[in-house]
């Protein structure tokens, strides 16, 4: 049996809880939207996210792996950097 999707486990209640647990003081996303702006239309945004996830049309933004020096010798730590979408 092949893995396809876990989207059937998602519902609005789960997405509301995930949103509640998410840090709101981070940097803006690749869409340049703050957590506060996303929350202004939270119900609509979560419903759209749920529909896209269940339809299989949701695609997470690509992440580039980079390694930053820790400042202690040659050690580095990996971080993920979101790639901004190309604006048309």
N, C-alpha and C. Protein backbone atom coordinates (compact mmCIF):
# COMPACT_ATOMS: atom_id res chain seq x y z
N UNK A 1 0.85 -1.18 0.00
CA UNK A 1 0.00 0.00 0.00
C UNK A 1 0.89 1.24 0.00
N UNK A 2 0.62 2.18 -0.88
CA UNK A 2 1.41 3.40 -1.01
C UNK A 2 0.82 4.52 -0.15
N UNK A 3 1.69 5.35 0.38
CA UNK A 3 1.25 6.53 1.14
C UNK A 3 0.73 7.57 0.16
N UNK A 4 -0.43 8.11 0.45
CA UNK A 4 -0.98 9.15 -0.43
C UNK A 4 -1.15 10.46 0.31
N UNK A 5 -1.96 10.49 1.36
CA UNK A 5 -2.24 11.76 2.03
C UNK A 5 -2.82 11.51 3.42
N UNK A 6 -2.59 12.46 4.29
CA UNK A 6 -3.21 12.43 5.62
C UNK A 6 -4.33 13.46 5.72
N UNK A 7 -4.68 14.07 4.59
CA UNK A 7 -5.67 15.16 4.58
C UNK A 7 -7.02 14.72 5.13
N UNK A 8 -7.36 13.44 5.02
CA UNK A 8 -8.66 12.99 5.53
C UNK A 8 -8.75 13.11 7.04
N UNK A 9 -7.60 13.29 7.73
CA UNK A 9 -7.61 13.49 9.19
C UNK A 9 -7.88 14.95 9.56
N UNK A 10 -7.77 15.86 8.61
CA UNK A 10 -7.93 17.28 8.89
C UNK A 10 -9.40 17.68 8.97
N UNK A 11 -9.68 18.61 9.86
CA UNK A 11 -10.98 19.27 9.91
C UNK A 11 -10.76 20.68 10.46
N UNK A 12 -11.80 21.48 10.43
CA UNK A 12 -11.64 22.88 10.88
C UNK A 12 -11.21 22.98 12.33
N UNK A 13 -11.72 22.11 13.17
CA UNK A 13 -11.35 22.14 14.59
C UNK A 13 -9.84 21.93 14.74
N UNK A 14 -9.31 20.96 14.00
CA UNK A 14 -7.88 20.66 14.06
C UNK A 14 -7.07 21.86 13.57
N UNK A 15 -7.49 22.49 12.47
CA UNK A 15 -6.78 23.65 11.94
C UNK A 15 -6.85 24.84 12.90
N UNK A 16 -7.98 25.03 13.56
CA UNK A 16 -8.10 26.10 14.57
C UNK A 16 -7.11 25.87 15.71
N UNK A 17 -7.00 24.63 16.15
CA UNK A 17 -6.07 24.32 17.23
C UNK A 17 -4.63 24.51 16.77
N UNK A 18 -4.32 24.10 15.55
CA UNK A 18 -2.97 24.30 15.02
C UNK A 18 -2.65 25.79 14.95
N UNK A 19 -3.62 26.59 14.51
CA UNK A 19 -3.41 28.04 14.44
C UNK A 19 -3.21 28.63 15.84
N UNK A 20 -3.98 28.17 16.79
CA UNK A 20 -3.86 28.65 18.17
C UNK A 20 -2.47 28.38 18.72
N UNK A 21 -1.89 27.23 18.39
CA UNK A 21 -0.59 26.83 18.93
C UNK A 21 0.59 27.43 18.18
N UNK A 22 0.35 28.05 17.06
CA UNK A 22 1.43 28.60 16.24
C UNK A 22 1.90 29.94 16.80
N UNK A 23 3.23 30.12 16.82
CA UNK A 23 3.79 31.41 17.26
C UNK A 23 3.31 32.50 16.32
N UNK A 24 2.93 33.61 16.89
CA UNK A 24 2.41 34.72 16.07
C UNK A 24 3.40 35.86 15.93
N UNK A 25 4.58 35.74 16.54
CA UNK A 25 5.56 36.83 16.52
C UNK A 25 6.71 36.59 15.56
N UNK A 26 6.55 35.63 14.66
CA UNK A 26 7.61 35.33 13.70
C UNK A 26 7.57 36.26 12.51
N UNK A 27 8.47 36.01 11.60
CA UNK A 27 8.55 36.80 10.37
C UNK A 27 7.35 36.51 9.47
N UNK A 28 7.11 37.40 8.55
CA UNK A 28 6.03 37.19 7.59
C UNK A 28 6.38 35.99 6.71
N UNK A 29 5.36 35.39 6.12
CA UNK A 29 5.58 34.25 5.25
C UNK A 29 5.97 34.68 3.85
N UNK A 30 6.13 33.71 2.96
CA UNK A 30 6.52 34.03 1.59
C UNK A 30 5.43 34.84 0.89
N UNK A 31 4.21 34.79 1.42
CA UNK A 31 3.12 35.59 0.86
C UNK A 31 3.10 37.00 1.44
N UNK A 32 4.10 37.29 2.29
CA UNK A 32 4.26 38.61 2.93
C UNK A 32 3.08 38.97 3.83
N UNK A 33 2.42 37.95 4.38
CA UNK A 33 1.27 38.16 5.26
C UNK A 33 1.67 37.82 6.69
N UNK A 34 1.32 38.72 7.61
CA UNK A 34 1.61 38.48 9.03
C UNK A 34 0.55 37.54 9.61
N UNK A 35 0.85 37.01 10.79
CA UNK A 35 -0.12 36.15 11.48
C UNK A 35 -1.38 36.96 11.81
N UNK A 36 -1.18 38.23 12.15
CA UNK A 36 -2.33 39.09 12.46
C UNK A 36 -3.23 39.26 11.24
N UNK A 37 -2.62 39.49 10.08
CA UNK A 37 -3.40 39.63 8.86
C UNK A 37 -4.12 38.33 8.50
N UNK A 38 -3.46 37.20 8.67
CA UNK A 38 -4.09 35.91 8.39
C UNK A 38 -5.29 35.70 9.32
N UNK A 39 -5.14 36.12 10.56
CA UNK A 39 -6.20 35.95 11.56
C UNK A 39 -7.41 36.84 11.34
N UNK A 40 -7.26 37.92 10.57
CA UNK A 40 -8.39 38.81 10.32
C UNK A 40 -9.50 38.10 9.56
N UNK A 41 -9.13 37.17 8.70
CA UNK A 41 -10.10 36.36 7.95
C UNK A 41 -9.85 34.88 8.25
N UNK A 42 -9.68 34.57 9.53
CA UNK A 42 -9.24 33.25 9.92
C UNK A 42 -10.16 32.14 9.42
N UNK A 43 -11.44 32.29 9.63
CA UNK A 43 -12.38 31.23 9.23
C UNK A 43 -12.30 30.97 7.72
N UNK A 44 -12.29 32.02 6.95
CA UNK A 44 -12.21 31.89 5.49
C UNK A 44 -10.86 31.29 5.07
N UNK A 45 -9.78 31.74 5.70
CA UNK A 45 -8.45 31.23 5.37
C UNK A 45 -8.31 29.74 5.71
N UNK A 46 -8.82 29.35 6.88
CA UNK A 46 -8.73 27.95 7.27
C UNK A 46 -9.62 27.07 6.40
N UNK A 47 -10.79 27.56 6.04
CA UNK A 47 -11.68 26.79 5.17
C UNK A 47 -11.02 26.59 3.80
N UNK A 48 -10.39 27.62 3.28
CA UNK A 48 -9.69 27.52 2.00
C UNK A 48 -8.54 26.53 2.09
N UNK A 49 -7.77 26.60 3.17
CA UNK A 49 -6.67 25.68 3.38
C UNK A 49 -7.16 24.24 3.46
N UNK A 50 -8.24 24.03 4.19
CA UNK A 50 -8.81 22.69 4.32
C UNK A 50 -9.26 22.15 2.97
N UNK A 51 -9.96 22.97 2.21
CA UNK A 51 -10.44 22.54 0.89
C UNK A 51 -9.29 22.20 -0.04
N UNK A 52 -8.23 23.03 -0.04
CA UNK A 52 -7.08 22.76 -0.90
C UNK A 52 -6.35 21.49 -0.47
N UNK A 53 -6.22 21.29 0.84
CA UNK A 53 -5.55 20.08 1.34
C UNK A 53 -6.32 18.83 0.95
N UNK A 54 -7.63 18.85 1.12
CA UNK A 54 -8.45 17.68 0.81
C UNK A 54 -8.55 17.44 -0.69
N UNK A 55 -8.48 18.50 -1.50
CA UNK A 55 -8.55 18.35 -2.95
C UNK A 55 -7.20 17.95 -3.55
N UNK A 56 -6.14 18.06 -2.73
CA UNK A 56 -4.81 17.73 -3.22
C UNK A 56 -4.15 18.85 -3.99
N UNK A 57 -4.74 20.05 -3.93
CA UNK A 57 -4.16 21.17 -4.68
C UNK A 57 -3.26 22.06 -3.83
N UNK A 58 -3.19 21.82 -2.51
CA UNK A 58 -2.31 22.60 -1.65
C UNK A 58 -0.87 22.16 -1.89
N UNK A 59 0.00 23.12 -2.09
CA UNK A 59 1.42 22.84 -2.23
C UNK A 59 2.18 23.79 -1.31
N UNK A 60 2.94 23.21 -0.41
CA UNK A 60 3.75 24.02 0.49
C UNK A 60 4.85 24.70 -0.30
N UNK A 61 5.26 25.86 0.14
CA UNK A 61 6.35 26.59 -0.52
C UNK A 61 7.64 25.80 -0.39
N UNK A 62 8.48 25.80 -1.42
CA UNK A 62 9.76 25.09 -1.33
C UNK A 62 10.66 25.74 -0.28
N UNK A 63 11.47 24.91 0.34
CA UNK A 63 12.40 25.39 1.37
C UNK A 63 13.81 25.03 0.95
N UNK A 64 14.70 26.02 1.04
CA UNK A 64 16.11 25.80 0.74
C UNK A 64 16.85 25.56 2.04
N UNK A 65 17.65 24.51 2.11
CA UNK A 65 18.42 24.19 3.31
C UNK A 65 19.72 24.99 3.27
N UNK A 66 20.02 25.67 4.36
CA UNK A 66 21.28 26.41 4.48
C UNK A 66 21.92 26.02 5.81
N UNK A 67 23.21 26.18 5.90
CA UNK A 67 23.93 25.87 7.13
C UNK A 67 24.62 27.13 7.62
N UNK A 68 24.30 27.52 8.85
CA UNK A 68 24.90 28.72 9.46
C UNK A 68 25.97 28.30 10.45
N UNK A 69 27.05 29.06 10.48
CA UNK A 69 28.11 28.80 11.44
C UNK A 69 27.60 29.06 12.85
N UNK A 70 27.96 28.17 13.77
CA UNK A 70 27.55 28.34 15.16
C UNK A 70 28.45 29.33 15.89
N UNK A 71 29.60 29.61 15.35
CA UNK A 71 30.53 30.53 16.02
C UNK A 71 31.50 29.78 16.91
N UNK A 72 31.43 28.46 16.91
CA UNK A 72 32.34 27.65 17.73
C UNK A 72 33.09 26.69 16.82
N UNK A 73 34.16 27.18 16.22
CA UNK A 73 34.93 26.32 15.32
C UNK A 73 34.24 26.16 13.99
N UNK A 74 34.27 24.96 13.44
CA UNK A 74 33.71 24.71 12.13
C UNK A 74 32.29 24.17 12.17
N UNK A 75 31.66 24.17 13.34
CA UNK A 75 30.31 23.62 13.45
C UNK A 75 29.28 24.52 12.78
N UNK A 76 28.28 23.89 12.19
CA UNK A 76 27.18 24.63 11.59
C UNK A 76 25.86 24.05 12.07
N UNK A 77 24.80 24.82 11.86
CA UNK A 77 23.46 24.31 12.16
C UNK A 77 22.59 24.53 10.93
N UNK A 78 21.75 23.55 10.60
CA UNK A 78 20.91 23.69 9.42
C UNK A 78 19.68 24.54 9.71
N UNK A 79 19.28 25.34 8.74
CA UNK A 79 18.03 26.08 8.82
C UNK A 79 17.32 25.95 7.48
N UNK A 80 16.02 26.14 7.49
CA UNK A 80 15.24 26.13 6.26
C UNK A 80 14.87 27.55 5.89
N UNK A 81 15.11 27.93 4.65
CA UNK A 81 14.79 29.27 4.17
C UNK A 81 13.71 29.14 3.10
N UNK A 82 12.57 29.76 3.34
CA UNK A 82 11.49 29.70 2.36
C UNK A 82 11.85 30.51 1.14
N UNK A 83 11.52 29.96 0.00
CA UNK A 83 11.76 30.66 -1.25
C UNK A 83 10.51 31.44 -1.60
N UNK A 84 10.69 32.70 -1.86
CA UNK A 84 9.55 33.55 -2.23
C UNK A 84 9.05 33.17 -3.62
N UNK A 85 7.74 33.16 -3.81
CA UNK A 85 7.21 32.85 -5.13
C UNK A 85 7.54 33.98 -6.11
N UNK A 86 7.64 33.63 -7.35
CA UNK A 86 7.91 34.62 -8.39
C UNK A 86 6.65 35.44 -8.63
N UNK A 87 6.78 36.76 -8.51
CA UNK A 87 5.63 37.64 -8.72
C UNK A 87 5.51 37.96 -10.19
N UNK A 88 4.31 37.88 -10.70
CA UNK A 88 4.06 38.15 -12.13
C UNK A 88 3.51 39.54 -12.32
